[in-house]
Protein backbone atom coordinates (compact mmCIF):
# COMPACT_ATOMS: atom_id res chain seq x y z
CA MET A 1 103.73 74.63 126.67
CA GLU A 2 101.08 77.21 127.57
CA TYR A 3 99.70 77.53 124.05
CA LYS A 4 100.07 73.90 122.92
CA ASN A 5 96.39 73.46 122.06
CA TYR A 6 96.36 76.70 120.09
CA LEU A 7 99.43 75.61 118.15
CA TYR A 8 97.70 72.34 117.30
CA ASP A 9 94.60 74.24 116.11
CA ALA A 10 96.75 76.60 114.03
CA VAL A 11 98.53 73.76 112.25
CA GLU A 12 95.30 71.83 111.61
CA LEU A 13 93.68 74.91 110.08
CA LEU A 14 96.72 75.62 107.95
CA LYS A 15 96.75 72.06 106.65
CA ALA A 16 93.07 72.40 105.72
CA LEU A 17 93.75 75.68 103.92
CA ILE A 18 96.69 74.24 101.96
CA ALA A 19 94.42 71.39 100.83
CA THR A 20 91.87 73.95 99.59
CA PRO A 21 93.13 75.82 96.48
CA SER A 22 92.73 79.56 96.99
CA VAL A 23 94.48 81.33 94.12
CA SER A 24 93.60 85.03 94.08
CA ARG A 25 89.99 85.74 93.06
CA ASP A 26 89.11 82.07 93.67
CA GLU A 27 89.12 81.96 97.47
CA LYS A 28 85.47 80.97 98.06
CA ALA A 29 86.25 77.45 99.31
CA ALA A 30 89.08 78.64 101.56
CA ALA A 31 86.83 81.31 103.05
CA GLY A 32 84.36 78.52 103.79
CA VAL A 33 87.09 76.58 105.59
CA MET A 34 87.91 79.65 107.70
CA MET A 35 84.23 80.07 108.64
CA GLN A 36 83.93 76.37 109.54
CA TYR A 37 86.89 76.44 111.91
CA MET A 38 85.88 79.74 113.48
CA HIS A 39 82.39 78.43 114.25
CA ARG A 40 83.94 75.24 115.67
CA TRP A 41 85.94 77.39 118.10
CA GLY A 42 82.88 79.35 119.22
CA LEU A 43 83.67 82.53 117.32
CA ASP A 44 81.17 84.75 115.51
CA PRO A 45 82.68 85.62 112.10
CA LYS A 46 81.23 87.92 109.47
CA ARG A 47 81.76 87.50 105.74
CA SER A 48 81.74 89.80 102.73
CA GLY A 49 82.69 88.12 99.49
CA ASN A 50 85.71 86.03 100.46
CA ASN A 51 86.78 88.28 103.33
CA ILE A 52 86.20 86.96 106.86
CA TRP A 53 86.43 88.99 110.05
CA ILE A 54 85.65 88.88 113.76
CA VAL A 55 85.13 91.86 116.08
CA ASP A 56 85.91 90.97 119.68
CA LYS A 57 82.85 90.44 121.85
CA HIS A 58 84.03 93.07 124.34
CA TYR A 59 84.25 95.80 121.69
CA ASP A 60 83.96 99.30 123.17
CA LYS A 61 83.93 102.25 120.79
CA GLN A 62 85.63 104.36 123.46
CA ARG A 63 88.80 102.23 123.19
CA PRO A 64 91.41 102.22 120.41
CA THR A 65 91.28 99.28 118.01
CA ILE A 66 94.05 97.00 116.74
CA LEU A 67 93.49 95.09 113.49
CA LEU A 68 95.10 91.66 113.08
CA ASN A 69 95.26 91.01 109.34
CA ALA A 70 96.57 88.38 106.95
CA HIS A 71 95.40 87.08 103.58
CA ILE A 72 93.90 83.75 102.52
CA ASP A 73 94.76 83.85 98.81
CA THR A 74 97.87 82.49 97.12
CA VAL A 75 99.72 82.91 93.86
CA LYS A 76 99.49 80.13 91.27
CA PRO A 77 101.94 77.29 91.97
CA ALA A 78 105.19 77.42 90.01
CA ALA A 79 105.79 74.62 87.51
CA SER A 80 108.94 73.55 89.37
CA TRP A 81 107.19 72.19 92.47
CA THR A 82 108.51 68.72 93.33
CA LYS A 83 105.62 68.09 95.74
CA ASP A 84 101.87 68.45 95.33
CA PRO A 85 101.34 72.12 96.28
CA PHE A 86 97.84 71.32 97.57
CA SER A 87 98.83 68.36 99.75
CA PRO A 88 100.05 69.46 103.19
CA VAL A 89 103.04 67.36 104.13
CA ILE A 90 104.88 67.55 107.45
CA GLU A 91 108.48 66.37 107.49
CA GLY A 92 109.96 66.84 110.93
CA ASP A 93 109.43 70.49 111.86
CA THR A 94 108.53 71.55 108.32
CA LEU A 95 105.07 71.89 106.78
CA TYR A 96 105.10 72.05 102.97
CA GLY A 97 102.31 73.46 100.83
CA LEU A 98 101.25 76.41 98.70
CA GLY A 99 100.52 79.41 100.90
CA SER A 100 102.09 77.86 103.99
CA ASN A 101 104.64 80.70 104.26
CA ASP A 102 102.80 83.45 102.35
CA CYS A 103 100.99 83.96 104.42
CA GLY A 104 99.29 80.96 106.01
CA GLY A 105 101.61 80.97 109.01
CA GLY A 106 100.64 84.52 109.92
CA LEU A 107 96.98 83.92 109.08
CA VAL A 108 96.54 81.03 111.50
CA SER A 109 98.85 82.44 114.20
CA LEU A 110 97.00 85.74 114.42
CA LEU A 111 93.66 83.94 114.65
CA GLN A 112 94.91 81.98 117.67
CA VAL A 113 96.19 85.21 119.22
CA PHE A 114 92.72 86.71 118.80
CA ARG A 115 91.23 83.68 120.59
CA ILE A 116 93.76 83.87 123.43
CA LEU A 117 93.39 87.61 124.04
CA GLU A 118 89.66 88.07 123.46
CA ASP A 119 88.73 87.37 127.09
CA LYS A 120 91.85 88.94 128.61
CA GLU A 121 91.65 92.39 130.16
CA ARG A 122 92.76 94.99 127.60
CA ASN A 123 92.54 98.73 127.01
CA PHE A 124 92.06 98.17 123.26
CA ASN A 125 89.68 96.35 120.91
CA LEU A 126 90.75 93.54 118.61
CA ILE A 127 89.53 92.82 115.09
CA TYR A 128 90.77 89.84 113.11
CA LEU A 129 90.50 90.00 109.31
CA ALA A 130 91.34 87.25 106.84
CA SER A 131 91.30 89.13 103.55
CA ALA A 132 91.14 88.01 99.92
CA GLU A 133 92.87 89.09 96.70
CA GLU A 134 96.01 90.40 98.40
CA GLU A 135 98.32 88.92 95.78
CA VAL A 136 96.60 90.94 93.04
CA SER A 137 95.61 93.98 95.14
CA GLY A 138 92.06 93.25 94.03
CA ALA A 139 89.05 95.47 94.64
CA ASP A 140 87.16 92.60 96.32
CA GLY A 141 89.82 92.05 98.96
CA PHE A 142 90.90 94.33 101.80
CA SER A 143 89.35 97.40 100.16
CA LYS A 144 85.93 95.74 100.16
CA ALA A 145 86.12 94.66 103.79
CA LEU A 146 87.56 97.83 105.33
CA PRO A 147 84.42 100.05 105.06
CA GLN A 148 82.44 97.37 106.90
CA LEU A 149 84.76 97.35 109.93
CA PRO A 150 84.70 99.67 112.95
CA PRO A 151 87.33 102.45 112.96
CA ILE A 152 90.88 101.12 113.26
CA ASP A 153 93.82 102.84 114.95
CA VAL A 154 96.69 100.53 114.01
CA ALA A 155 97.21 97.19 112.26
CA ILE A 156 99.49 94.19 112.58
CA VAL A 157 99.93 92.43 109.23
CA GLY A 158 101.04 88.81 109.39
CA GLU A 159 103.26 88.63 106.31
CA PRO A 160 106.46 86.56 106.66
CA THR A 161 109.24 88.69 108.18
CA GLY A 162 111.02 86.20 110.42
CA MET A 163 109.03 87.86 113.25
CA GLN A 164 111.04 91.04 112.86
CA PRO A 165 108.98 94.26 112.59
CA ALA A 166 108.80 95.89 109.17
CA ILE A 167 107.89 99.47 110.08
CA ALA A 168 107.93 100.76 106.50
CA GLU A 169 107.03 99.17 103.19
CA LYS A 170 107.63 100.27 99.64
CA GLY A 171 104.64 101.21 97.51
CA LEU A 172 104.00 100.27 93.91
CA MET A 173 102.96 102.22 90.82
CA VAL A 174 102.86 100.64 87.37
CA LEU A 175 103.23 103.00 84.40
CA ASP A 176 102.37 102.50 80.76
CA VAL A 177 104.73 104.71 78.72
CA ILE A 178 104.11 105.17 75.00
CA ALA A 179 106.54 106.75 72.53
CA HIS A 180 105.01 107.78 69.21
CA GLY A 181 106.56 107.83 65.74
CA LYS A 182 105.39 107.58 62.15
CA SER A 183 105.34 104.41 60.09
CA GLY A 184 107.29 104.11 56.85
CA HIS A 185 109.25 101.68 54.68
CA ALA A 186 112.48 100.53 56.34
CA ALA A 187 114.28 100.55 52.98
CA ARG A 188 113.75 104.28 52.51
CA ASN A 189 114.69 107.23 54.67
CA GLU A 190 111.14 107.99 55.77
CA GLY A 191 108.95 107.75 58.83
CA VAL A 192 109.86 108.37 62.46
CA ASN A 193 111.07 105.35 64.42
CA ALA A 194 109.17 105.17 67.73
CA ILE A 195 111.91 102.97 69.22
CA TYR A 196 114.46 105.73 68.64
CA GLU A 197 111.99 108.26 70.03
CA ALA A 198 111.85 106.16 73.23
CA ILE A 199 115.63 105.96 73.73
CA ASP A 200 116.06 109.28 75.57
CA ASP A 201 113.21 108.41 77.93
CA LEU A 202 114.62 104.94 78.54
CA ILE A 203 117.98 106.41 79.47
CA TRP A 204 116.34 108.98 81.76
CA LEU A 205 114.24 106.29 83.46
CA ARG A 206 117.36 104.19 83.97
CA ASP A 207 119.53 106.99 85.36
CA CYS A 208 117.03 109.12 87.32
CA LYS A 209 117.81 109.49 91.02
CA PHE A 210 115.15 110.79 93.39
CA GLU A 211 116.43 113.22 96.00
CA ARG A 212 114.60 111.92 99.06
CA VAL A 213 116.19 108.70 100.26
CA SER A 214 114.50 106.83 103.11
CA PRO A 215 116.73 105.52 105.91
CA LEU A 216 114.44 102.47 106.04
CA LEU A 217 113.50 101.89 102.39
CA GLY A 218 116.26 103.57 100.45
CA PRO A 219 115.57 105.46 97.22
CA VAL A 220 112.57 105.31 94.92
CA LYS A 221 113.32 102.60 92.35
CA MET A 222 112.18 102.65 88.71
CA THR A 223 112.61 99.67 86.39
CA VAL A 224 111.53 99.29 82.76
CA THR A 225 110.26 95.71 82.65
CA VAL A 226 108.39 95.32 79.32
CA ILE A 227 108.86 96.81 75.83
CA HIS A 228 106.73 96.20 72.74
CA ALA A 229 107.29 97.80 69.33
CA GLY A 230 107.05 97.03 65.66
CA THR A 231 105.02 94.69 63.48
CA GLN A 232 107.54 93.36 60.92
CA HIS A 233 111.13 93.83 59.80
CA ASN A 234 110.51 96.25 56.93
CA VAL A 235 108.08 98.64 58.63
CA ILE A 236 109.25 101.59 60.71
CA PRO A 237 107.42 101.21 64.07
CA ASP A 238 105.04 104.06 64.86
CA LYS A 239 104.57 103.12 68.50
CA CYS A 240 106.84 101.84 71.26
CA GLU A 241 105.05 100.75 74.43
CA MET A 242 106.90 100.33 77.72
CA VAL A 243 105.90 99.19 81.21
CA VAL A 244 107.69 100.76 84.16
CA ASP A 245 107.66 99.30 87.66
CA VAL A 246 107.99 102.09 90.27
CA ARG A 247 108.67 101.27 93.92
CA SER A 248 108.06 104.32 96.09
CA ASN A 249 109.37 105.07 99.56
CA GLU A 250 107.39 106.72 102.34
CA LEU A 251 108.82 110.16 101.51
CA TYR A 252 106.87 110.42 98.24
CA LYS A 253 103.25 110.05 97.20
CA ASN A 254 102.75 108.06 94.01
CA ALA A 255 100.98 111.00 92.36
CA GLU A 256 104.01 113.23 93.08
CA ILE A 257 106.34 110.70 91.46
CA PHE A 258 104.04 110.45 88.45
CA ASP A 259 104.00 114.23 87.95
CA PHE A 260 107.81 114.32 88.10
CA ILE A 261 108.15 111.52 85.51
CA GLU A 262 105.59 113.09 83.19
CA LYS A 263 107.42 116.44 83.26
CA ASN A 264 110.78 114.86 82.43
CA THR A 265 109.79 112.50 79.59
CA LYS A 266 108.47 113.24 76.11
CA SER A 267 106.53 109.99 75.84
CA GLU A 268 102.89 109.60 76.81
CA VAL A 269 102.66 108.38 80.43
CA HIS A 270 99.72 106.68 82.16
CA ALA A 271 99.55 105.34 85.72
CA ARG A 272 97.43 102.24 86.19
CA SER A 273 96.73 103.31 89.77
CA PHE A 274 97.96 105.61 92.55
CA ARG A 275 96.33 103.53 95.30
CA LEU A 276 99.29 101.35 96.35
CA GLY A 277 101.33 103.87 98.27
CA SER A 278 104.25 103.33 100.61
CA SER A 279 103.27 102.72 104.24
CA HIS A 280 104.97 103.25 107.58
CA ILE A 281 104.48 103.47 111.32
CA ASP A 282 106.25 105.90 113.62
CA ALA A 283 109.34 104.42 115.26
CA ASP A 284 108.02 105.77 118.57
CA HIS A 285 104.68 103.95 118.33
CA PRO A 286 103.99 101.71 121.38
CA LEU A 287 103.97 98.59 119.18
CA VAL A 288 107.38 99.43 117.76
CA ARG A 289 108.76 100.26 121.19
CA ARG A 290 107.46 96.94 122.53
CA CYS A 291 109.18 95.14 119.66
CA ALA A 292 112.45 96.80 120.64
CA GLU A 293 111.92 95.68 124.25
CA LEU A 294 111.55 92.13 122.92
CA GLY A 295 114.90 92.40 121.14
CA LYS A 296 113.40 92.84 117.67
CA THR A 297 115.03 94.97 114.98
CA PRO A 298 112.79 97.30 112.93
CA PHE A 299 113.47 97.35 109.18
CA GLY A 300 112.03 98.53 105.87
CA SER A 301 110.42 95.97 103.56
CA PRO A 302 110.77 96.10 99.75
CA THR A 303 107.73 93.86 99.18
CA LEU A 304 104.13 94.99 98.85
CA SER A 305 101.19 93.90 101.02
CA ASP A 306 97.70 95.11 101.94
CA GLN A 307 99.44 97.72 104.10
CA ALA A 308 99.42 99.82 100.93
CA LEU A 309 95.62 100.04 101.28
CA MET A 310 95.58 100.97 104.97
CA PRO A 311 94.85 104.63 105.81
CA PHE A 312 96.16 104.11 109.36
CA PRO A 313 99.55 103.09 110.83
CA SER A 314 100.51 99.46 110.31
CA MET A 315 103.37 97.13 111.10
CA LYS A 316 104.24 93.96 109.19
CA ILE A 317 105.46 91.10 111.35
CA GLY A 318 104.88 87.39 110.84
CA PRO A 319 106.37 83.89 110.85
CA GLY A 320 108.35 82.52 107.92
CA GLU A 321 110.69 84.29 105.53
CA SER A 322 109.84 86.55 102.61
CA SER A 323 112.45 84.76 100.49
CA ARG A 324 110.29 81.60 100.53
CA SER A 325 107.22 83.37 99.16
CA HIS A 326 106.14 82.55 95.59
CA THR A 327 108.72 79.75 95.37
CA ALA A 328 108.39 76.06 94.56
CA ASP A 329 108.13 73.71 97.55
CA GLU A 330 107.08 76.59 99.81
CA TYR A 331 107.13 75.75 103.51
CA ILE A 332 106.70 77.02 107.05
CA LYS A 333 108.21 75.53 110.19
CA ILE A 334 105.91 74.43 113.00
CA SER A 335 108.35 76.00 115.45
CA GLU A 336 107.96 79.32 113.59
CA ILE A 337 104.19 79.22 114.14
CA GLU A 338 104.77 78.36 117.80
CA ASP A 339 107.18 81.28 118.20
CA ALA A 340 104.80 83.61 116.35
CA ILE A 341 101.88 82.90 118.70
CA GLU A 342 104.06 83.45 121.77
CA THR A 343 105.68 86.59 120.33
CA TYR A 344 102.38 88.17 119.31
CA ILE A 345 101.05 87.57 122.83
CA ARG A 346 104.14 89.14 124.39
CA LEU A 347 103.78 92.06 121.98
CA LEU A 348 100.11 92.73 122.71
CA ASP A 349 99.35 91.51 126.22
CA GLY A 350 99.21 94.52 128.52
CA ILE A 351 100.24 97.07 125.91
CA SER A 352 98.61 100.51 125.91
CA ILE A 353 98.10 102.22 122.57
CA GLY A 354 95.66 104.92 123.65
């Protein structure tokens, strides 16, 4: 196999990362592992916080630049793991361990692709970025690294997609919605019940349909996920607090959705952030066209990634399956990493994005 040594290196690095706990905001040791392996392979990485990147040694500011990105952090292991989440175990073709699928497979595959292509003739630059805090969309992750990188034209994000290209991704906006009432004694006909004040807004949030429906991502989706109200059984609650999870499509900006919700509800509405918008790449982009030539099927992804923080076109494509992410006994197949390296090379080698 042409890339046998690179596959071996990818698996060895992934095993080392699994054995190094890297829950979001605690990735220091894992970043150290990445630096160690990169130096071993003769690369020249840079580091900011727990973000690690490499700019190819043939960088030319006159050429367009492709970013290869994946994250080093993981969620906390679920209580239902039957294996040690921090002990990499290979059984046949399967490598078990926390972060193996999300998104260790993409992380190590893209690094090998960078190594393979760095000295090949290209009309574009390559930057590899292993970013932190993706699982919590933290300020010290991708957003911290991006201003320190050269200008980027397009990104490939190595999240698990079964190596099918996700050319659009839903955004996220979390709302705190507060209905106000007036406290009183429950035994008497007094006060204003904040729970009852919230009912009309709850019904509207449940039934609202947004007009613009994406052919890739479907409609904007709103879900009330948390409600808190009341202090004890005999006191009329004067406040009802709700949390609303809003998943936007690429046809709306989060701020536009917020304004629409605020105008149609009587409760107080606050957005925690507008920064995690929906992302997409044009279906006619050379990377998407090359995927089609390789027999891949573009689709829209409902899950969030650091694409939401990218002010340039991006495509999510990586080994593994999204359905395995954040689950007990998470795994990646060695053959999936092998296929990813070969597919990324076929996708990028000789392509022109200028």
